[in-house]
Amino acid sequence: MVFFHYGIDNNGNEFFEVSSYWWLFPTIAVPCTLLVMAVYQIWRRKREGRMISKRGQNSLVDPEEMDRHRY
């Protein structure tokens, strides 16, 4: 489905049309964007949790030294 249409008519005039269903674009895009952001945050927190638990298991890694190199 095309929400926006831009072109040139037979007389050489430029035109821009908006579909009557334009409201579907933000209705679909905003929740999908929020869903992707939420999934990323959950993944990032789980990943950081695993890194912290692994840091405690490895006796060769000093946690304070790791914090200094973190960006």
PDB file of N, CA and C in Angstrom:
ATOM      1  N   MET A   1       0.855  -1.172   0.000  1.00  0.00           N
ATOM      2  CA  MET A   1       0.000   0.000   0.000  1.00  0.00           C
ATOM      3  C   MET A   1       0.901   1.235   0.000  1.00  0.00           C
ATOM      4  N   VAL A   2       0.590   2.156  -0.867  1.00  0.00           N
ATOM      5  CA  VAL A   2       1.354   3.392  -0.982  1.00  0.00           C
ATOM      6  C   VAL A   2       0.654   4.470  -0.152  1.00  0.00           C
ATOM      7  N   PHE A   3       1.373   5.011   0.831  1.00  0.00           N
ATOM      8  CA  PHE A   3       0.803   6.059   1.680  1.00  0.00           C
ATOM      9  C   PHE A   3       1.016   7.445   1.084  1.00  0.00           C
ATOM     10  N   PHE A   4       2.146   7.620   0.400  1.00  0.00           N
ATOM     11  CA  PHE A   4       2.505   8.916  -0.166  1.00  0.00           C
ATOM     12  C   PHE A   4       2.871   8.718  -1.628  1.00  0.00           C
ATOM     13  N   HIS A   5       2.451   9.646  -2.475  1.00  0.00           N
ATOM     14  CA  HIS A   5       2.760   9.558  -3.897  1.00  0.00           C
ATOM     15  C   HIS A   5       3.179  10.929  -4.403  1.00  0.00           C
ATOM     16  N   TYR A   6       4.317  10.951  -5.084  1.00  0.00           N
ATOM     17  CA  TYR A   6       4.857  12.190  -5.630  1.00  0.00           C
ATOM     18  C   TYR A   6       5.150  11.952  -7.104  1.00  0.00           C
ATOM     19  N   GLY A   7       4.809  12.897  -7.920  1.00  0.00           N
ATOM     20  CA  GLY A   7       5.085  12.713  -9.337  1.00  0.00           C
ATOM     21  C   GLY A   7       4.792  13.961 -10.142  1.00  0.00           C
ATOM     22  N   ILE A   8       4.751  13.760 -11.469  1.00  0.00           N
ATOM     23  CA  ILE A   8       4.468  14.838 -12.409  1.00  0.00           C
ATOM     24  C   ILE A   8       3.263  14.413 -13.238  1.00  0.00           C
ATOM     25  N   ASP A   9       2.268  15.305 -13.330  1.00  0.00           N
ATOM     26  CA  ASP A   9       1.066  14.971 -14.103  1.00  0.00           C
ATOM     27  C   ASP A   9       1.299  15.222 -15.593  1.00  0.00           C
ATOM     28  N   ASN A  10       0.258  15.035 -16.407  1.00  0.00           N
ATOM     29  CA  ASN A  10       0.376  15.173 -17.862  1.00  0.00           C
ATOM     30  C   ASN A  10       0.722  16.595 -18.298  1.00  0.00           C
ATOM     31  N   ASN A  11       0.416  17.577 -17.494  1.00  0.00           N
ATOM     32  CA  ASN A  11       0.703  18.970 -17.827  1.00  0.00           C
ATOM     33  C   ASN A  11       2.102  19.398 -17.382  1.00  0.00           C
ATOM     34  N   GLY A  12       2.864  18.519 -16.756  1.00  0.00           N
ATOM     35  CA  GLY A  12       4.206  18.839 -16.296  1.00  0.00           C
ATOM     36  C   GLY A  12       4.250  19.437 -14.901  1.00  0.00           C
ATOM     37  N   ASN A  13       3.108  19.447 -14.227  1.00  0.00           N
ATOM     38  CA  ASN A  13       3.048  19.983 -12.867  1.00  0.00           C
ATOM     39  C   ASN A  13       3.387  18.892 -11.848  1.00  0.00           C
ATOM     40  N   GLU A  14       4.171  19.266 -10.863  1.00  0.00           N
ATOM     41  CA  GLU A  14       4.494  18.318  -9.804  1.00  0.00           C
ATOM     42  C   GLU A  14       3.318  18.212  -8.837  1.00  0.00           C
ATOM     43  N   PHE A  15       3.130  17.020  -8.276  1.00  0.00           N
ATOM     44  CA  PHE A  15       2.059  16.854  -7.297  1.00  0.00           C
ATOM     45  C   PHE A  15       2.510  15.908  -6.192  1.00  0.00           C
ATOM     46  N   PHE A  16       1.872  16.039  -5.067  1.00  0.00           N
ATOM     47  CA  PHE A  16       2.133  15.199  -3.901  1.00  0.00           C
ATOM     48  C   PHE A  16       0.780  14.794  -3.335  1.00  0.00           C
ATOM     49  N   GLU A  17       0.526  13.503  -3.245  1.00  0.00           N
ATOM     50  CA  GLU A  17      -0.743  12.995  -2.734  1.00  0.00           C
ATOM     51  C   GLU A  17      -0.501  12.164  -1.484  1.00  0.00           C
ATOM     52  N   VAL A  18      -1.447  12.250  -0.567  1.00  0.00           N
ATOM     53  CA  VAL A  18      -1.410  11.455   0.655  1.00  0.00           C
ATOM     54  C   VAL A  18      -2.639  10.570   0.664  1.00  0.00           C
ATOM     55  N   SER A  19      -2.424   9.284   0.895  1.00  0.00           N
ATOM     56  CA  SER A  19      -3.530   8.335   0.918  1.00  0.00           C
ATOM     57  C   SER A  19      -4.454   8.613   2.097  1.00  0.00           C
ATOM     58  N   SER A  20      -5.693   8.195   1.977  1.00  0.00           N
ATOM     59  CA  SER A  20      -6.632   8.335   3.100  1.00  0.00           C
ATOM     60  C   SER A  20      -6.274   7.363   4.235  1.00  0.00           C
ATOM     61  N   TYR A  21      -5.384   6.417   3.946  1.00  0.00           N
ATOM     62  CA  TYR A  21      -4.933   5.456   4.962  1.00  0.00           C
ATOM     63  C   TYR A  21      -3.583   5.848   5.565  1.00  0.00           C
ATOM     64  N   TRP A  22      -3.206   7.126   5.504  1.00  0.00           N
ATOM     65  CA  TRP A  22      -1.921   7.578   6.033  1.00  0.00           C
ATOM     66  C   TRP A  22      -1.769   7.255   7.509  1.00  0.00           C
ATOM     67  N   TRP A  23      -2.867   7.199   8.237  1.00  0.00           N
ATOM     68  CA  TRP A  23      -2.842   6.960   9.677  1.00  0.00           C
ATOM     69  C   TRP A  23      -2.309   5.568  10.004  1.00  0.00           C
ATOM     70  N   LEU A  24      -2.336   4.645   9.037  1.00  0.00           N
ATOM     71  CA  LEU A  24      -1.792   3.309   9.287  1.00  0.00           C
ATOM     72  C   LEU A  24      -0.272   3.336   9.461  1.00  0.00           C
ATOM     73  N   PHE A  25       0.382   4.257   8.778  1.00  0.00           N
ATOM     74  CA  PHE A  25       1.842   4.335   8.861  1.00  0.00           C
ATOM     75  C   PHE A  25       2.318   4.576  10.292  1.00  0.00           C
ATOM     76  N   PRO A  26       1.890   5.656  10.975  1.00  0.00           N
ATOM     77  CA  PRO A  26       2.344   5.831  12.367  1.00  0.00           C
ATOM     78  C   PRO A  26       1.753   4.791  13.316  1.00  0.00           C
ATOM     79  N   THR A  27       0.552   4.307  13.004  1.00  0.00           N
ATOM     80  CA  THR A  27      -0.079   3.306  13.859  1.00  0.00           C
ATOM     81  C   THR A  27       0.728   2.008  13.888  1.00  0.00           C
ATOM     82  N   ILE A  28       1.352   1.681  12.783  1.00  0.00           N
ATOM     83  CA  ILE A  28       2.169   0.464  12.707  1.00  0.00           C
ATOM     84  C   ILE A  28       3.617   0.752  13.104  1.00  0.00           C
ATOM     85  N   ALA A  29       4.149   1.875  12.643  1.00  0.00           N
ATOM     86  CA  ALA A  29       5.574   2.168  12.851  1.00  0.00           C
ATOM     87  C   ALA A  29       5.918   2.433  14.312  1.00  0.00           C
ATOM     88  N   VAL A  30       5.097   3.174  15.029  1.00  0.00           N
ATOM     89  CA  VAL A  30       5.416   3.531  16.418  1.00  0.00           C
ATOM     90  C   VAL A  30       5.446   2.297  17.323  1.00  0.00           C
ATOM     91  N   PRO A  31       4.415   1.435  17.323  1.00  0.00           N
ATOM     92  CA  PRO A  31       4.498   0.237  18.179  1.00  0.00           C
ATOM     93  C   PRO A  31       5.650  -0.698  17.798  1.00  0.00           C
ATOM     94  N   CYS A  32       5.920  -0.833  16.505  1.00  0.00           N
ATOM     95  CA  CYS A  32       7.044  -1.687  16.097  1.00  0.00           C
ATOM     96  C   CYS A  32       8.370  -1.121  16.588  1.00  0.00           C
ATOM     97  N   THR A  33       8.534   0.181  16.513  1.00  0.00           N
ATOM     98  CA  THR A  33       9.749   0.820  17.005  1.00  0.00           C
ATOM     99  C   THR A  33       9.896   0.616  18.515  1.00  0.00           C
ATOM    100  N   LEU A  34       8.814   0.809  19.254  1.00  0.00           N
ATOM    101  CA  LEU A  34       8.857   0.615  20.703  1.00  0.00           C
ATOM    102  C   LEU A  34       9.156  -0.841  21.059  1.00  0.00           C
ATOM    103  N   LEU A  35       8.603  -1.778  20.299  1.00  0.00           N
ATOM    104  CA  LEU A  35       8.859  -3.197  20.537  1.00  0.00           C
ATOM    105  C   LEU A  35      10.342  -3.516  20.321  1.00  0.00           C
ATOM    106  N   VAL A  36      10.916  -3.015  19.250  1.00  0.00           N
ATOM    107  CA  VAL A  36      12.341  -3.261  18.980  1.00  0.00           C
ATOM    108  C   VAL A  36      13.197  -2.665  20.087  1.00  0.00           C
ATOM    109  N   MET A  37      12.872  -1.465  20.539  1.00  0.00           N
ATOM    110  CA  MET A  37      13.641  -0.831  21.610  1.00  0.00           C
ATOM    111  C   MET A  37      13.535  -1.623  22.918  1.00  0.00           C
ATOM    112  N   ALA A  38      12.348  -2.137  23.230  1.00  0.00           N
ATOM    113  CA  ALA A  38      12.155  -2.925  24.451  1.00  0.00           C
ATOM    114  C   ALA A  38      12.936  -4.235  24.384  1.00  0.00           C
ATOM    115  N   VAL A  39      12.880  -4.917  23.250  1.00  0.00           N
ATOM    116  CA  VAL A  39      13.617  -6.177  23.093  1.00  0.00           C
ATOM    117  C   VAL A  39      15.113  -5.928  23.215  1.00  0.00           C
ATOM    118  N   TYR A  40      15.601  -4.834  22.642  1.00  0.00           N
ATOM    119  CA  TYR A  40      17.021  -4.502  22.758  1.00  0.00           C
ATOM    120  C   TYR A  40      17.408  -4.256  24.216  1.00  0.00           C
ATOM    121  N   GLN A  41      16.601  -3.520  24.954  1.00  0.00           N
ATOM    122  CA  GLN A  41      16.914  -3.231  26.353  1.00  0.00           C
ATOM    123  C   GLN A  41      16.945  -4.522  27.188  1.00  0.00           C
ATOM    124  N   ILE A  42      15.990  -5.398  26.957  1.00  0.00           N
ATOM    125  CA  ILE A  42      15.953  -6.681  27.677  1.00  0.00           C
ATOM    126  C   ILE A  42      17.199  -7.494  27.347  1.00  0.00           C
ATOM    127  N   TRP A  43      17.543  -7.571  26.056  1.00  0.00           N
ATOM    128  CA  TRP A  43      18.723  -8.319  25.635  1.00  0.00           C
ATOM    129  C   TRP A  43      19.987  -7.733  26.262  1.00  0.00           C
ATOM    130  N   ARG A  44      20.114  -6.399  26.263  1.00  0.00           N
ATOM    131  CA  ARG A  44      21.301  -5.743  26.800  1.00  0.00           C
ATOM    132  C   ARG A  44      21.446  -6.012  28.297  1.00  0.00           C
ATOM    133  N   ARG A  45      20.336  -5.938  29.024  1.00  0.00           N
ATOM    134  CA  ARG A  45      20.405  -6.194  30.473  1.00  0.00           C
ATOM    135  C   ARG A  45      20.768  -7.635  30.781  1.00  0.00           C
ATOM    136  N   LYS A  46      20.219  -8.585  30.019  1.00  0.00           N
ATOM    137  CA  LYS A  46      20.583  -9.993  30.222  1.00  0.00           C
ATOM    138  C   LYS A  46      22.051 -10.220  29.892  1.00  0.00           C
ATOM    139  N   ARG A  47      22.532  -9.578  28.830  1.00  0.00           N
ATOM    140  CA  ARG A  47      23.928  -9.724  28.440  1.00  0.00           C
ATOM    141  C   ARG A  47      24.849  -9.160  29.513  1.00  0.00           C
ATOM    142  N   GLU A  48      24.519  -7.993  30.055  1.00  0.00           N
ATOM    143  CA  GLU A  48      25.339  -7.415  31.114  1.00  0.00           C
ATOM    144  C   GLU A  48      25.306  -8.282  32.365  1.00  0.00           C
ATOM    145  N   GLY A  49      24.164  -8.874  32.672  1.00  0.00           N
ATOM    146  CA  GLY A  49      24.059  -9.770  33.822  1.00  0.00           C
ATOM    147  C   GLY A  49      24.956 -10.992  33.658  1.00  0.00           C
ATOM    148  N   ARG A  50      25.001 -11.542  32.433  1.00  0.00           N
ATOM    149  CA  ARG A  50      25.868 -12.697  32.182  1.00  0.00           C
ATOM    150  C   ARG A  50      27.329 -12.298  32.295  1.00  0.00           C
ATOM    151  N   MET A  51      27.663 -11.098  31.833  1.00  0.00           N
ATOM    152  CA  MET A  51      29.052 -10.650  31.916  1.00  0.00           C
ATOM    153  C   MET A  51      29.478 -10.471  33.363  1.00  0.00           C
ATOM    154  N   ILE A  52      28.588  -9.945  34.186  1.00  0.00           N
ATOM    155  CA  ILE A  52      28.900  -9.746  35.601  1.00  0.00           C
ATOM    156  C   ILE A  52      29.079 -11.089  36.299  1.00  0.00           C
ATOM    157  N   SER A  53      28.202 -12.072  35.992  1.00  0.00           N
ATOM    158  CA  SER A  53      28.331 -13.376  36.640  1.00  0.00           C
ATOM    159  C   SER A  53      29.597 -14.091  36.168  1.00  0.00           C
ATOM    160  N   LYS A  54      29.961 -13.941  34.905  1.00  0.00           N
ATOM    161  CA  LYS A  54      31.201 -14.556  34.411  1.00  0.00           C
ATOM    162  C   LYS A  54      32.420 -13.882  35.014  1.00  0.00           C
ATOM    163  N   ARG A  55      32.328 -12.587  35.275  1.00  0.00           N
ATOM    164  CA  ARG A  55      33.441 -11.847  35.849  1.00  0.00           C
ATOM    165  C   ARG A  55      33.786 -12.411  37.231  1.00  0.00           C
ATOM    166  N   GLY A  56      32.782 -12.812  37.993  1.00  0.00           N
ATOM    167  CA  GLY A  56      33.027 -13.377  39.313  1.00  0.00           C
ATOM    168  C   GLY A  56      33.618 -14.774  39.253  1.00  0.00           C
ATOM    169  N   GLN A  57      33.372 -15.508  38.164  1.00  0.00           N
ATOM    170  CA  GLN A  57      33.873 -16.872  38.034  1.00  0.00           C
ATOM    171  C   GLN A  57      35.332 -16.928  37.587  1.00  0.00           C
ATOM    172  N   ASN A  58      35.788 -15.919  36.880  1.00  0.00           N
ATOM    173  CA  ASN A  58      37.136 -15.943  36.324  1.00  0.00           C
ATOM    174  C   ASN A  58      38.104 -15.286  37.305  1.00  0.00           C
ATOM    175  N   SER A  59      38.991 -16.071  37.874  1.00  0.00           N
ATOM    176  CA  SER A  59      39.907 -15.542  38.880  1.00  0.00           C
ATOM    177  C   SER A  59      41.028 -14.702  38.266  1.00  0.00           C
ATOM    178  N   LEU A  60      41.221 -14.772  36.932  1.00  0.00           N
ATOM    179  CA  LEU A  60      42.279 -14.019  36.292  1.00  0.00           C
ATOM    180  C   LEU A  60      41.851 -12.585  35.973  1.00  0.00           C
ATOM    181  N   VAL A  61      40.576 -12.293  36.073  1.00  0.00           N
ATOM    182  CA  VAL A  61      40.064 -10.967  35.727  1.00  0.00           C
ATOM    183  C   VAL A  61      39.752 -10.204  37.000  1.00  0.00           C
ATOM    184  N   ASP A  62      40.329  -9.022  37.124  1.00  0.00           N
ATOM    185  CA  ASP A  62      40.057  -8.147  38.258  1.00  0.00           C
ATOM    186  C   ASP A  62      38.857  -7.268  37.916  1.00  0.00           C
ATOM    187  N   PRO A  63      37.726  -7.356  38.647  1.00  0.00           N
ATOM    188  CA  PRO A  63      36.527  -6.568  38.319  1.00  0.00           C
ATOM    189  C   PRO A  63      36.785  -5.073  38.296  1.00  0.00           C
ATOM    190  N   GLU A  64      37.638  -4.575  39.163  1.00  0.00           N
ATOM    191  CA  GLU A  64      37.938  -3.139  39.164  1.00  0.00           C
ATOM    192  C   GLU A  64      38.694  -2.740  37.907  1.00  0.00           C
ATOM    193  N   GLU A  65      39.560  -3.600  37.441  1.00  0.00           N
ATOM    194  CA  GLU A  65      40.295  -3.330  36.199  1.00  0.00           C
ATOM    195  C   GLU A  65      39.341  -3.322  35.004  1.00  0.00           C
ATOM    196  N   MET A  66      38.365  -4.221  34.999  1.00  0.00           N
ATOM    197  CA  MET A  66      37.386  -4.270  33.913  1.00  0.00           C
ATOM    198  C   MET A  66      36.538  -3.014  33.887  1.00  0.00           C
ATOM    199  N   ASP A  67      36.173  -2.483  35.038  1.00  0.00           N
ATOM    200  CA  ASP A  67      35.365  -1.271  35.093  1.00  0.00           C
ATOM    201  C   ASP A  67      36.105  -0.068  34.519  1.00  0.00           C
ATOM    202  N   ARG A  68      37.394  -0.014  34.670  1.00  0.00           N
ATOM    203  CA  ARG A  68      38.185   1.101  34.142  1.00  0.00           C
ATOM    204  C   ARG A  68      38.240   1.101  32.628  1.00  0.00           C
ATOM    205  N   HIS A  69      38.149  -0.081  32.006  1.00  0.00           N
ATOM    206  CA  HIS A  69      38.236  -0.192  30.555  1.00  0.00           C
ATOM    207  C   HIS A  69      36.866  -0.175  29.881  1.00  0.00           C
ATOM    208  N   ARG A  70      35.836  -0.086  30.643  1.00  0.00           N
ATOM    209  CA  ARG A  70      34.482  -0.099  30.099  1.00  0.00           C
ATOM    210  C   ARG A  70      34.155   1.231  29.456  1.00  0.00           C
ATOM    211  N   TYR A  71      33.441   1.222  28.334  1.00  0.00           N
ATOM    212  CA  TYR A  71      33.070   2.485  27.711  1.00  0.00           C
ATOM    213  C   TYR A  71      31.691   2.815  27.925  1.00  0.00           C
TER     214      TYR A  71
END
